[in-house]
Amino acid sequence: MLAVGTTTITVYRGTTTDAWGDEADTDTPVHTGIVASITEQSRRVTTRDDPTPRIVRYAVSRVTAGTDITDQDRIRDERTGAVYIVEAVSSMNSPVVAADLRLDLRRTT
């Protein structure tokens, strides 16, 4: 991993159907103890329609290239207990080294 690991994460994947027929996330871990870097940031955002500035918070994580994480997985920061939904997985191309995976996250708890 090229980024400096700040925590370890657990990856949750999959859904089930509850007693009322609604889809619910499962809390079955797929992977545990994955070294990751998670940073939460904020950005001031305005639009042409609404020039009032708003503060938008978002989180980004980096994990080792080849880690089995996909869109819509959930990850739990084992240090803080925060849970995030993975909204996008991307990586930079490098002819020299396998670049880390970048995870765009949305915090759920």
PDB file of N, CA and C in Angstrom:
ATOM      1  N   MET A   1       0.849  -1.172   0.000  1.00  0.00           N
ATOM      2  CA  MET A   1       0.000   0.000   0.000  1.00  0.00           C
ATOM      3  C   MET A   1       0.895   1.235   0.000  1.00  0.00           C
ATOM      4  N   LEU A   2       0.616   2.159  -0.906  1.00  0.00           N
ATOM      5  CA  LEU A   2       1.404   3.376  -1.011  1.00  0.00           C
ATOM      6  C   LEU A   2       0.987   4.420   0.013  1.00  0.00           C
ATOM      7  N   ALA A   3      -0.301   4.546   0.270  1.00  0.00           N
ATOM      8  CA  ALA A   3      -0.793   5.494   1.278  1.00  0.00           C
ATOM      9  C   ALA A   3      -0.445   4.976   2.671  1.00  0.00           C
ATOM     10  N   VAL A   4      -0.346   5.876   3.621  1.00  0.00           N
ATOM     11  CA  VAL A   4      -0.061   5.484   5.006  1.00  0.00           C
ATOM     12  C   VAL A   4      -1.349   4.986   5.653  1.00  0.00           C
ATOM     13  N   GLY A   5      -1.352   3.745   6.119  1.00  0.00           N
ATOM     14  CA  GLY A   5      -2.532   3.172   6.763  1.00  0.00           C
ATOM     15  C   GLY A   5      -2.812   3.859   8.087  1.00  0.00           C
ATOM     16  N   THR A   6      -4.061   4.277   8.289  1.00  0.00           N
ATOM     17  CA  THR A   6      -4.440   4.931   9.545  1.00  0.00           C
ATOM     18  C   THR A   6      -5.367   4.066  10.390  1.00  0.00           C
ATOM     19  N   THR A   7      -5.869   2.978   9.816  1.00  0.00           N
ATOM     20  CA  THR A   7      -6.818   2.131  10.523  1.00  0.00           C
ATOM     21  C   THR A   7      -6.888   0.779   9.826  1.00  0.00           C
ATOM     22  N   THR A   8      -7.698  -0.099  10.366  1.00  0.00           N
ATOM     23  CA  THR A   8      -8.056  -1.333   9.669  1.00  0.00           C
ATOM     24  C   THR A   8      -9.564  -1.330   9.490  1.00  0.00           C
ATOM     25  N   ILE A   9     -10.026  -2.020   8.445  1.00  0.00           N
ATOM     26  CA  ILE A   9     -11.452  -2.030   8.143  1.00  0.00           C
ATOM     27  C   ILE A   9     -11.975  -3.445   8.005  1.00  0.00           C
ATOM     28  N   THR A  10     -13.287  -3.581   8.180  1.00  0.00           N
ATOM     29  CA  THR A  10     -14.016  -4.810   7.913  1.00  0.00           C
ATOM     30  C   THR A  10     -14.957  -4.522   6.760  1.00  0.00           C
ATOM     31  N   VAL A  11     -15.021  -5.449   5.794  1.00  0.00           N
ATOM     32  CA  VAL A  11     -15.889  -5.293   4.620  1.00  0.00           C
ATOM     33  C   VAL A  11     -17.120  -6.163   4.796  1.00  0.00           C
ATOM     34  N   TYR A  12     -18.297  -5.558   4.625  1.00  0.00           N
ATOM     35  CA  TYR A  12     -19.576  -6.271   4.672  1.00  0.00           C
ATOM     36  C   TYR A  12     -20.194  -6.228   3.288  1.00  0.00           C
ATOM     37  N   ARG A  13     -20.794  -7.346   2.874  1.00  0.00           N
ATOM     38  CA  ARG A  13     -21.393  -7.417   1.545  1.00  0.00           C
ATOM     39  C   ARG A  13     -22.645  -8.266   1.618  1.00  0.00           C
ATOM     40  N   GLY A  14     -23.630  -7.908   0.808  1.00  0.00           N
ATOM     41  CA  GLY A  14     -24.819  -8.737   0.666  1.00  0.00           C
ATOM     42  C   GLY A  14     -26.041  -8.189   1.365  1.00  0.00           C
ATOM     43  N   THR A  15     -27.181  -8.731   0.956  1.00  0.00           N
ATOM     44  CA  THR A  15     -28.465  -8.335   1.532  1.00  0.00           C
ATOM     45  C   THR A  15     -29.289  -9.580   1.814  1.00  0.00           C
ATOM     46  N   THR A  16     -30.328  -9.379   2.586  1.00  0.00           N
ATOM     47  CA  THR A  16     -31.272 -10.435   2.906  1.00  0.00           C
ATOM     48  C   THR A  16     -32.673  -9.829   2.892  1.00  0.00           C
ATOM     49  N   THR A  17     -33.668 -10.639   3.038  1.00  0.00           N
ATOM     50  CA  THR A  17     -35.046 -10.162   3.098  1.00  0.00           C
ATOM     51  C   THR A  17     -35.547 -10.324   4.522  1.00  0.00           C
ATOM     52  N   ASP A  18     -36.129  -9.251   5.085  1.00  0.00           N
ATOM     53  CA  ASP A  18     -36.630  -9.319   6.456  1.00  0.00           C
ATOM     54  C   ASP A  18     -38.041  -9.918   6.480  1.00  0.00           C
ATOM     55  N   ALA A  19     -38.654  -9.957   7.661  1.00  0.00           N
ATOM     56  CA  ALA A  19     -39.956 -10.600   7.852  1.00  0.00           C
ATOM     57  C   ALA A  19     -41.071  -9.937   7.045  1.00  0.00           C
ATOM     58  N   TRP A  20     -40.898  -8.673   6.662  1.00  0.00           N
ATOM     59  CA  TRP A  20     -41.923  -7.952   5.904  1.00  0.00           C
ATOM     60  C   TRP A  20     -41.637  -7.939   4.404  1.00  0.00           C
ATOM     61  N   GLY A  21     -40.594  -8.644   3.983  1.00  0.00           N
ATOM     62  CA  GLY A  21     -40.256  -8.715   2.574  1.00  0.00           C
ATOM     63  C   GLY A  21     -39.374  -7.582   2.083  1.00  0.00           C
ATOM     64  N   ASP A  22     -38.879  -6.759   3.006  1.00  0.00           N
ATOM     65  CA  ASP A  22     -38.000  -5.653   2.626  1.00  0.00           C
ATOM     66  C   ASP A  22     -36.551  -6.132   2.585  1.00  0.00           C
ATOM     67  N   GLU A  23     -35.776  -5.511   1.707  1.00  0.00           N
ATOM     68  CA  GLU A  23     -34.363  -5.832   1.602  1.00  0.00           C
ATOM     69  C   GLU A  23     -33.602  -5.167   2.740  1.00  0.00           C
ATOM     70  N   ALA A  24     -32.721  -5.917   3.397  1.00  0.00           N
ATOM     71  CA  ALA A  24     -31.920  -5.402   4.505  1.00  0.00           C
ATOM     72  C   ALA A  24     -30.479  -5.857   4.330  1.00  0.00           C
ATOM     73  N   ASP A  25     -29.546  -5.020   4.760  1.00  0.00           N
ATOM     74  CA  ASP A  25     -28.125  -5.366   4.678  1.00  0.00           C
ATOM     75  C   ASP A  25     -27.793  -6.472   5.659  1.00  0.00           C
ATOM     76  N   THR A  26     -26.848  -7.336   5.277  1.00  0.00           N
ATOM     77  CA  THR A  26     -26.377  -8.364   6.200  1.00  0.00           C
ATOM     78  C   THR A  26     -25.157  -7.833   6.944  1.00  0.00           C
ATOM     79  N   ASP A  27     -24.956  -8.325   8.128  1.00  0.00           N
ATOM     80  CA  ASP A  27     -23.796  -7.929   8.912  1.00  0.00           C
ATOM     81  C   ASP A  27     -22.751  -9.026   8.944  1.00  0.00           C
ATOM     82  N   THR A  28     -22.672  -9.788   7.858  1.00  0.00           N
ATOM     83  CA  THR A  28     -21.692 -10.857   7.752  1.00  0.00           C
ATOM     84  C   THR A  28     -20.421 -10.292   7.133  1.00  0.00           C
ATOM     85  N   PRO A  29     -19.300 -10.347   7.851  1.00  0.00           N
ATOM     86  CA  PRO A  29     -18.062  -9.806   7.288  1.00  0.00           C
ATOM     87  C   PRO A  29     -17.526 -10.688   6.162  1.00  0.00           C
ATOM     88  N   VAL A  30     -17.080 -10.040   5.091  1.00  0.00           N
ATOM     89  CA  VAL A  30     -16.445 -10.739   3.974  1.00  0.00           C
ATOM     90  C   VAL A  30     -14.946 -10.773   4.195  1.00  0.00           C
ATOM     91  N   HIS A  31     -14.381  -9.645   4.653  1.00  0.00           N
ATOM     92  CA  HIS A  31     -12.956  -9.523   4.958  1.00  0.00           C
ATOM     93  C   HIS A  31     -12.806  -8.699   6.235  1.00  0.00           C
ATOM     94  N   THR A  32     -11.805  -9.011   7.039  1.00  0.00           N
ATOM     95  CA  THR A  32     -11.525  -8.232   8.245  1.00  0.00           C
ATOM     96  C   THR A  32     -10.043  -7.901   8.297  1.00  0.00           C
ATOM     97  N   GLY A  33      -9.709  -6.849   9.029  1.00  0.00           N
ATOM     98  CA  GLY A  33      -8.312  -6.499   9.260  1.00  0.00           C
ATOM     99  C   GLY A  33      -7.582  -5.928   8.057  1.00  0.00           C
ATOM    100  N   ILE A  34      -8.289  -5.350   7.096  1.00  0.00           N
ATOM    101  CA  ILE A  34      -7.644  -4.759   5.918  1.00  0.00           C
ATOM    102  C   ILE A  34      -7.085  -3.399   6.308  1.00  0.00           C
ATOM    103  N   VAL A  35      -5.801  -3.189   6.064  1.00  0.00           N
ATOM    104  CA  VAL A  35      -5.169  -1.904   6.371  1.00  0.00           C
ATOM    105  C   VAL A  35      -5.673  -0.871   5.367  1.00  0.00           C
ATOM    106  N   ALA A  36      -6.102   0.290   5.872  1.00  0.00           N
ATOM    107  CA  ALA A  36      -6.664   1.330   5.014  1.00  0.00           C
ATOM    108  C   ALA A  36      -6.318   2.709   5.561  1.00  0.00           C
ATOM    109  N   SER A  37      -6.430   3.670   4.688  1.00  0.00           N
ATOM    110  CA  SER A  37      -6.319   5.080   5.055  1.00  0.00           C
ATOM    111  C   SER A  37      -7.683   5.706   4.806  1.00  0.00           C
ATOM    112  N   ILE A  38      -8.284   6.303   5.832  1.00  0.00           N
ATOM    113  CA  ILE A  38      -9.584   6.966   5.680  1.00  0.00           C
ATOM    114  C   ILE A  38      -9.422   8.424   6.074  1.00  0.00           C
ATOM    115  N   THR A  39      -9.845   9.317   5.179  1.00  0.00           N
ATOM    116  CA  THR A  39      -9.825  10.747   5.488  1.00  0.00           C
ATOM    117  C   THR A  39     -11.205  11.322   5.223  1.00  0.00           C
ATOM    118  N   GLU A  40     -11.692  12.094   6.170  1.00  0.00           N
ATOM    119  CA  GLU A  40     -12.960  12.808   5.997  1.00  0.00           C
ATOM    120  C   GLU A  40     -12.627  14.267   5.740  1.00  0.00           C
ATOM    121  N   GLN A  41     -13.303  14.834   4.759  1.00  0.00           N
ATOM    122  CA  GLN A  41     -13.053  16.211   4.383  1.00  0.00           C
ATOM    123  C   GLN A  41     -14.368  16.936   4.215  1.00  0.00           C
ATOM    124  N   SER A  42     -14.294  18.257   4.146  1.00  0.00           N
ATOM    125  CA  SER A  42     -15.488  19.048   3.877  1.00  0.00           C
ATOM    126  C   SER A  42     -15.167  20.047   2.778  1.00  0.00           C
ATOM    127  N   ARG A  43     -16.194  20.450   2.073  1.00  0.00           N
ATOM    128  CA  ARG A  43     -16.040  21.383   0.964  1.00  0.00           C
ATOM    129  C   ARG A  43     -17.217  22.345   0.967  1.00  0.00           C
ATOM    130  N   ARG A  44     -16.938  23.606   0.703  1.00  0.00           N
ATOM    131  CA  ARG A  44     -17.990  24.623   0.585  1.00  0.00           C
ATOM    132  C   ARG A  44     -18.521  24.567  -0.843  1.00  0.00           C
ATOM    133  N   VAL A  45     -19.838  24.396  -0.990  1.00  0.00           N
ATOM    134  CA  VAL A  45     -20.457  24.202  -2.292  1.00  0.00           C
ATOM    135  C   VAL A  45     -21.550  25.244  -2.504  1.00  0.00           C
ATOM    136  N   THR A  46     -21.601  25.811  -3.715  1.00  0.00           N
ATOM    137  CA  THR A  46     -22.694  26.684  -4.121  1.00  0.00           C
ATOM    138  C   THR A  46     -23.137  26.275  -5.521  1.00  0.00           C
ATOM    139  N   THR A  47     -24.356  26.631  -5.883  1.00  0.00           N
ATOM    140  CA  THR A  47     -24.856  26.383  -7.226  1.00  0.00           C
ATOM    141  C   THR A  47     -25.392  27.690  -7.795  1.00  0.00           C
ATOM    142  N   ARG A  48     -25.603  27.721  -9.096  1.00  0.00           N
ATOM    143  CA  ARG A  48     -26.170  28.926  -9.703  1.00  0.00           C
ATOM    144  C   ARG A  48     -27.585  29.180  -9.202  1.00  0.00           C
ATOM    145  N   ASP A  49     -28.340  28.109  -8.981  1.00  0.00           N
ATOM    146  CA  ASP A  49     -29.713  28.247  -8.513  1.00  0.00           C
ATOM    147  C   ASP A  49     -29.793  28.732  -7.069  1.00  0.00           C
ATOM    148  N   ASP A  50     -28.841  28.300  -6.252  1.00  0.00           N
ATOM    149  CA  ASP A  50     -28.842  28.665  -4.840  1.00  0.00           C
ATOM    150  C   ASP A  50     -27.431  29.100  -4.445  1.00  0.00           C
ATOM    151  N   PRO A  51     -27.150  30.392  -4.459  1.00  0.00           N
ATOM    152  CA  PRO A  51     -25.789  30.853  -4.161  1.00  0.00           C
ATOM    153  C   PRO A  51     -25.406  30.775  -2.679  1.00  0.00           C
ATOM    154  N   THR A  52     -26.329  30.341  -1.834  1.00  0.00           N
ATOM    155  CA  THR A  52     -26.019  30.196  -0.415  1.00  0.00           C
ATOM    156  C   THR A  52     -25.018  29.055  -0.237  1.00  0.00           C
ATOM    157  N   PRO A  53     -23.873  29.318   0.361  1.00  0.00           N
ATOM    158  CA  PRO A  53     -22.876  28.245   0.527  1.00  0.00           C
ATOM    159  C   PRO A  53     -23.352  27.171   1.505  1.00  0.00           C
ATOM    160  N   ARG A  54     -23.077  25.930   1.140  1.00  0.00           N
ATOM    161  CA  ARG A  54     -23.366  24.787   2.006  1.00  0.00           C
ATOM    162  C   ARG A  54     -22.069  24.031   2.239  1.00  0.00           C
ATOM    163  N   ILE A  55     -21.958  23.396   3.368  1.00  0.00           N
ATOM    164  CA  ILE A  55     -20.795  22.574   3.683  1.00  0.00           C
ATOM    165  C   ILE A  55     -21.172  21.117   3.416  1.00  0.00           C
ATOM    166  N   VAL A  56     -20.418  20.476   2.537  1.00  0.00           N
ATOM    167  CA  VAL A  56     -20.645  19.073   2.196  1.00  0.00           C
ATOM    168  C   VAL A  56     -19.479  18.269   2.734  1.00  0.00           C
ATOM    169  N   ARG A  57     -19.784  17.244   3.520  1.00  0.00           N
ATOM    170  CA  ARG A  57     -18.750  16.363   4.070  1.00  0.00           C
ATOM    171  C   ARG A  57     -18.693  15.090   3.246  1.00  0.00           C
ATOM    172  N   TYR A  58     -17.484  14.600   3.028  1.00  0.00           N
ATOM    173  CA  TYR A  58     -17.308  13.352   2.292  1.00  0.00           C
ATOM    174  C   TYR A  58     -16.070  12.639   2.824  1.00  0.00           C
ATOM    175  N   ALA A  59     -15.975  11.377   2.501  1.00  0.00           N
ATOM    176  CA  ALA A  59     -14.841  10.574   2.970  1.00  0.00           C
ATOM    177  C   ALA A  59     -14.236   9.821   1.797  1.00  0.00           C
ATOM    178  N   VAL A  60     -12.926   9.637   1.875  1.00  0.00           N
ATOM    179  CA  VAL A  60     -12.178   8.910   0.867  1.00  0.00           C
ATOM    180  C   VAL A  60     -11.281   7.927   1.603  1.00  0.00           C
ATOM    181  N   SER A  61     -11.166   6.728   1.043  1.00  0.00           N
ATOM    182  CA  SER A  61     -10.291   5.722   1.632  1.00  0.00           C
ATOM    183  C   SER A  61      -9.350   5.193   0.560  1.00  0.00           C
ATOM    184  N   ARG A  62      -8.213   4.717   0.985  1.00  0.00           N
ATOM    185  CA  ARG A  62      -7.275   4.056   0.082  1.00  0.00           C
ATOM    186  C   ARG A  62      -6.907   2.712   0.697  1.00  0.00           C
ATOM    187  N   VAL A  63      -6.921   1.685  -0.159  1.00  0.00           N
ATOM    188  CA  VAL A  63      -6.541   0.333   0.250  1.00  0.00           C
ATOM    189  C   VAL A  63      -5.581  -0.224  -0.795  1.00  0.00           C
ATOM    190  N   THR A  64      -4.915  -1.287  -0.460  1.00  0.00           N
ATOM    191  CA  THR A  64      -3.942  -1.915  -1.343  1.00  0.00           C
ATOM    192  C   THR A  64      -4.593  -2.366  -2.646  1.00  0.00           C
ATOM    193  N   ALA A  65      -3.870  -2.200  -3.744  1.00  0.00           N
ATOM    194  CA  ALA A  65      -4.351  -2.650  -5.055  1.00  0.00           C
ATOM    195  C   ALA A  65      -4.697  -4.136  -4.989  1.00  0.00           C
ATOM    196  N   GLY A  66      -5.785  -4.505  -5.641  1.00  0.00           N
ATOM    197  CA  GLY A  66      -6.204  -5.906  -5.669  1.00  0.00           C
ATOM    198  C   GLY A  66      -7.105  -6.322  -4.522  1.00  0.00           C
ATOM    199  N   THR A  67      -7.388  -5.419  -3.592  1.00  0.00           N
ATOM    200  CA  THR A  67      -8.283  -5.727  -2.478  1.00  0.00           C
ATOM    201  C   THR A  67      -9.691  -5.956  -3.014  1.00  0.00           C
ATOM    202  N   ASP A  68     -10.370  -6.977  -2.506  1.00  0.00           N
ATOM    203  CA  ASP A  68     -11.713  -7.335  -2.967  1.00  0.00           C
ATOM    204  C   ASP A  68     -12.753  -6.424  -2.321  1.00  0.00           C
ATOM    205  N   ILE A  69     -12.957  -5.236  -2.918  1.00  0.00           N
ATOM    206  CA  ILE A  69     -13.986  -4.289  -2.478  1.00  0.00           C
ATOM    207  C   ILE A  69     -14.694  -3.787  -3.723  1.00  0.00           C
ATOM    208  N   THR A  70     -16.022  -3.764  -3.689  1.00  0.00           N
ATOM    209  CA  THR A  70     -16.802  -3.324  -4.839  1.00  0.00           C
ATOM    210  C   THR A  70     -17.789  -2.231  -4.421  1.00  0.00           C
ATOM    211  N   ASP A  71     -18.388  -1.586  -5.433  1.00  0.00           N
ATOM    212  CA  ASP A  71     -19.426  -0.591  -5.172  1.00  0.00           C
ATOM    213  C   ASP A  71     -20.539  -1.230  -4.345  1.00  0.00           C
ATOM    214  N   GLN A  72     -21.108  -0.460  -3.453  1.00  0.00           N
ATOM    215  CA  GLN A  72     -22.216  -0.836  -2.579  1.00  0.00           C
ATOM    216  C   GLN A  72     -21.822  -1.768  -1.439  1.00  0.00           C
ATOM    217  N   ASP A  73     -20.543  -2.134  -1.318  1.00  0.00           N
ATOM    218  CA  ASP A  73     -20.087  -2.811  -0.106  1.00  0.00           C
ATOM    219  C   ASP A  73     -20.174  -1.808   1.033  1.00  0.00           C
ATOM    220  N   ARG A  74     -20.190  -2.301   2.245  1.00  0.00           N
ATOM    221  CA  ARG A  74     -20.109  -1.447   3.417  1.00  0.00           C
ATOM    222  C   ARG A  74     -18.809  -1.752   4.121  1.00  0.00           C
ATOM    223  N   ILE A  75     -18.162  -0.724   4.656  1.00  0.00           N
ATOM    224  CA  ILE A  75     -16.948  -0.942   5.434  1.00  0.00           C
ATOM    225  C   ILE A  75     -17.131  -0.317   6.811  1.00  0.00           C
ATOM    226  N   ARG A  76     -16.511  -0.957   7.793  1.00  0.00           N
ATOM    227  CA  ARG A  76     -16.538  -0.434   9.164  1.00  0.00           C
ATOM    228  C   ARG A  76     -15.112  -0.144   9.584  1.00  0.00           C
ATOM    229  N   ASP A  77     -14.882   1.079  10.008  1.00  0.00           N
ATOM    230  CA  ASP A  77     -13.584   1.480  10.535  1.00  0.00           C
ATOM    231  C   ASP A  77     -13.434   0.807  11.895  1.00  0.00           C
ATOM    232  N   GLU A  78     -12.500  -0.107  12.015  1.00  0.00           N
ATOM    233  CA  GLU A  78     -12.344  -0.868  13.254  1.00  0.00           C
ATOM    234  C   GLU A  78     -11.808  -0.015  14.402  1.00  0.00           C
ATOM    235  N   ARG A  79     -11.223   1.131  14.088  1.00  0.00           N
ATOM    236  CA  ARG A  79     -10.700   2.017  15.143  1.00  0.00           C
ATOM    237  C   ARG A  79     -11.801   2.884  15.730  1.00  0.00           C
ATOM    238  N   THR A  80     -12.671   3.451  14.876  1.00  0.00           N
ATOM    239  CA  THR A  80     -13.706   4.378  15.356  1.00  0.00           C
ATOM    240  C   THR A  80     -15.094   3.768  15.406  1.00  0.00           C
ATOM    241  N   GLY A  81     -15.317   2.676  14.672  1.00  0.00           N
ATOM    242  CA  GLY A  81     -16.637   2.061  14.616  1.00  0.00           C
ATOM    243  C   GLY A  81     -17.548   2.677  13.570  1.00  0.00           C
ATOM    244  N   ALA A  82     -17.086   3.695  12.839  1.00  0.00           N
ATOM    245  CA  ALA A  82     -17.906   4.337  11.806  1.00  0.00           C
ATOM    246  C   ALA A  82     -18.138   3.380  10.640  1.00  0.00           C
ATOM    247  N   VAL A  83     -19.352   3.432  10.078  1.00  0.00           N
ATOM    248  CA  VAL A  83     -19.709   2.580   8.945  1.00  0.00           C
ATOM    249  C   VAL A  83     -19.935   3.455   7.722  1.00  0.00           C
ATOM    250  N   TYR A  84     -19.403   3.026   6.592  1.00  0.00           N
ATOM    251  CA  TYR A  84     -19.498   3.768   5.339  1.00  0.00           C
ATOM    252  C   TYR A  84     -20.022   2.847   4.241  1.00  0.00           C
ATOM    253  N   ILE A  85     -20.693   3.431   3.246  1.00  0.00           N
ATOM    254  CA  ILE A  85     -21.069   2.718   2.024  1.00  0.00           C
ATOM    255  C   ILE A  85     -20.066   3.112   0.954  1.00  0.00           C
ATOM    256  N   VAL A  86     -19.563   2.134   0.222  1.00  0.00           N
ATOM    257  CA  VAL A  86     -18.634   2.405  -0.870  1.00  0.00           C
ATOM    258  C   VAL A  86     -19.453   2.827  -2.081  1.00  0.00           C
ATOM    259  N   GLU A  87     -19.287   4.086  -2.507  1.00  0.00           N
ATOM    260  CA  GLU A  87     -20.042   4.603  -3.648  1.00  0.00           C
ATOM    261  C   GLU A  87     -19.305   4.403  -4.961  1.00  0.00           C
ATOM    262  N   ALA A  88     -17.975   4.398  -4.934  1.00  0.00           N
ATOM    263  CA  ALA A  88     -17.202   4.201  -6.162  1.00  0.00           C
ATOM    264  C   ALA A  88     -15.828   3.662  -5.808  1.00  0.00           C
ATOM    265  N   VAL A  89     -15.293   2.822  -6.685  1.00  0.00           N
ATOM    266  CA  VAL A  89     -13.950   2.273  -6.538  1.00  0.00           C
ATOM    267  C   VAL A  89     -13.177   2.661  -7.790  1.00  0.00           C
ATOM    268  N   SER A  90     -12.003   3.266  -7.617  1.00  0.00           N
ATOM    269  CA  SER A  90     -11.196   3.651  -8.768  1.00  0.00           C
ATOM    270  C   SER A  90      -9.719   3.493  -8.444  1.00  0.00           C
ATOM    271  N   SER A  91      -8.901   3.556  -9.491  1.00  0.00           N
ATOM    272  CA  SER A  91      -7.464   3.430  -9.323  1.00  0.00           C
ATOM    273  C   SER A  91      -6.772   4.191 -10.442  1.00  0.00           C
ATOM    274  N   MET A  92      -5.637   4.746 -10.132  1.00  0.00           N
ATOM    275  CA  MET A  92      -4.823   5.408 -11.161  1.00  0.00           C
ATOM    276  C   MET A  92      -3.976   4.352 -11.862  1.00  0.00           C
ATOM    277  N   ASN A  93      -3.734   4.541 -13.125  1.00  0.00           N
ATOM    278  CA  ASN A  93      -2.858   3.639 -13.872  1.00  0.00           C
ATOM    279  C   ASN A  93      -1.415   4.084 -13.712  1.00  0.00           C
ATOM    280  N   SER A  94      -0.543   3.136 -13.439  1.00  0.00           N
ATOM    281  CA  SER A  94       0.870   3.436 -13.298  1.00  0.00           C
ATOM    282  C   SER A  94       1.668   2.305 -13.926  1.00  0.00           C
ATOM    283  N   PRO A  95       2.603   2.633 -14.807  1.00  0.00           N
ATOM    284  CA  PRO A  95       3.420   1.574 -15.409  1.00  0.00           C
ATOM    285  C   PRO A  95       4.489   1.048 -14.461  1.00  0.00           C
ATOM    286  N   VAL A  96       4.704   1.739 -13.340  1.00  0.00           N
ATOM    287  CA  VAL A  96       5.789   1.383 -12.433  1.00  0.00           C
ATOM    288  C   VAL A  96       5.322   0.530 -11.263  1.00  0.00           C
ATOM    289  N   VAL A  97       4.195   0.914 -10.650  1.00  0.00           N
ATOM    290  CA  VAL A  97       3.747   0.255  -9.429  1.00  0.00           C
ATOM    291  C   VAL A  97       2.230   0.107  -9.461  1.00  0.00           C
ATOM    292  N   ALA A  98       1.727  -0.912  -8.794  1.00  0.00           N
ATOM    293  CA  ALA A  98       0.270  -1.089  -8.679  1.00  0.00           C
ATOM    294  C   ALA A  98      -0.264  -0.039  -7.709  1.00  0.00           C
ATOM    295  N   ALA A  99      -1.037   0.900  -8.232  1.00  0.00           N
ATOM    296  CA  ALA A  99      -1.547   2.002  -7.415  1.00  0.00           C
ATOM    297  C   ALA A  99      -2.646   1.522  -6.484  1.00  0.00           C
ATOM    298  N   ASP A 100      -2.769   2.205  -5.338  1.00  0.00           N
ATOM    299  CA  ASP A 100      -3.821   1.894  -4.373  1.00  0.00           C
ATOM    300  C   ASP A 100      -5.198   2.081  -5.001  1.00  0.00           C
ATOM    301  N   LEU A 101      -6.181   1.366  -4.444  1.00  0.00           N
ATOM    302  CA  LEU A 101      -7.569   1.603  -4.826  1.00  0.00           C
ATOM    303  C   LEU A 101      -8.089   2.787  -4.032  1.00  0.00           C
ATOM    304  N   ARG A 102      -8.823   3.663  -4.699  1.00  0.00           N
ATOM    305  CA  ARG A 102      -9.471   4.805  -4.038  1.00  0.00           C
ATOM    306  C   ARG A 102     -10.943   4.460  -3.875  1.00  0.00           C
ATOM    307  N   LEU A 103     -11.458   4.597  -2.658  1.00  0.00           N
ATOM    308  CA  LEU A 103     -12.854   4.331  -2.361  1.00  0.00           C
ATOM    309  C   LEU A 103     -13.533   5.645  -2.000  1.00  0.00           C
ATOM    310  N   ASP A 104     -14.560   6.022  -2.753  1.00  0.00           N
ATOM    311  CA  ASP A 104     -15.367   7.178  -2.394  1.00  0.00           C
ATOM    312  C   ASP A 104     -16.461   6.672  -1.473  1.00  0.00           C
ATOM    313  N   LEU A 105     -16.548   7.253  -0.289  1.00  0.00           N
ATOM    314  CA  LEU A 105     -17.416   6.733   0.769  1.00  0.00           C
ATOM    315  C   LEU A 105     -18.501   7.713   1.158  1.00  0.00           C
ATOM    316  N   ARG A 106     -19.605   7.150   1.676  1.00  0.00           N
ATOM    317  CA  ARG A 106     -20.668   7.949   2.301  1.00  0.00           C
ATOM    318  C   ARG A 106     -20.878   7.361   3.682  1.00  0.00           C
ATOM    319  N   ARG A 107     -20.770   8.190   4.706  1.00  0.00           N
ATOM    320  CA  ARG A 107     -20.895   7.707   6.089  1.00  0.00           C
ATOM    321  C   ARG A 107     -22.357   7.442   6.417  1.00  0.00           C
ATOM    322  N   THR A 108     -22.611   6.294   7.049  1.00  0.00           N
ATOM    323  CA  THR A 108     -23.978   5.930   7.424  1.00  0.00           C
ATOM    324  C   THR A 108     -24.191   6.010   8.924  1.00  0.00           C
ATOM    325  N   THR A 109     -23.147   5.848   9.721  1.00  0.00           N
ATOM    326  CA  THR A 109     -23.280   5.973  11.184  1.00  0.00           C
ATOM    327  C   THR A 109     -22.156   6.808  11.734  1.00  0.00           C
TER     328      THR A 109
END
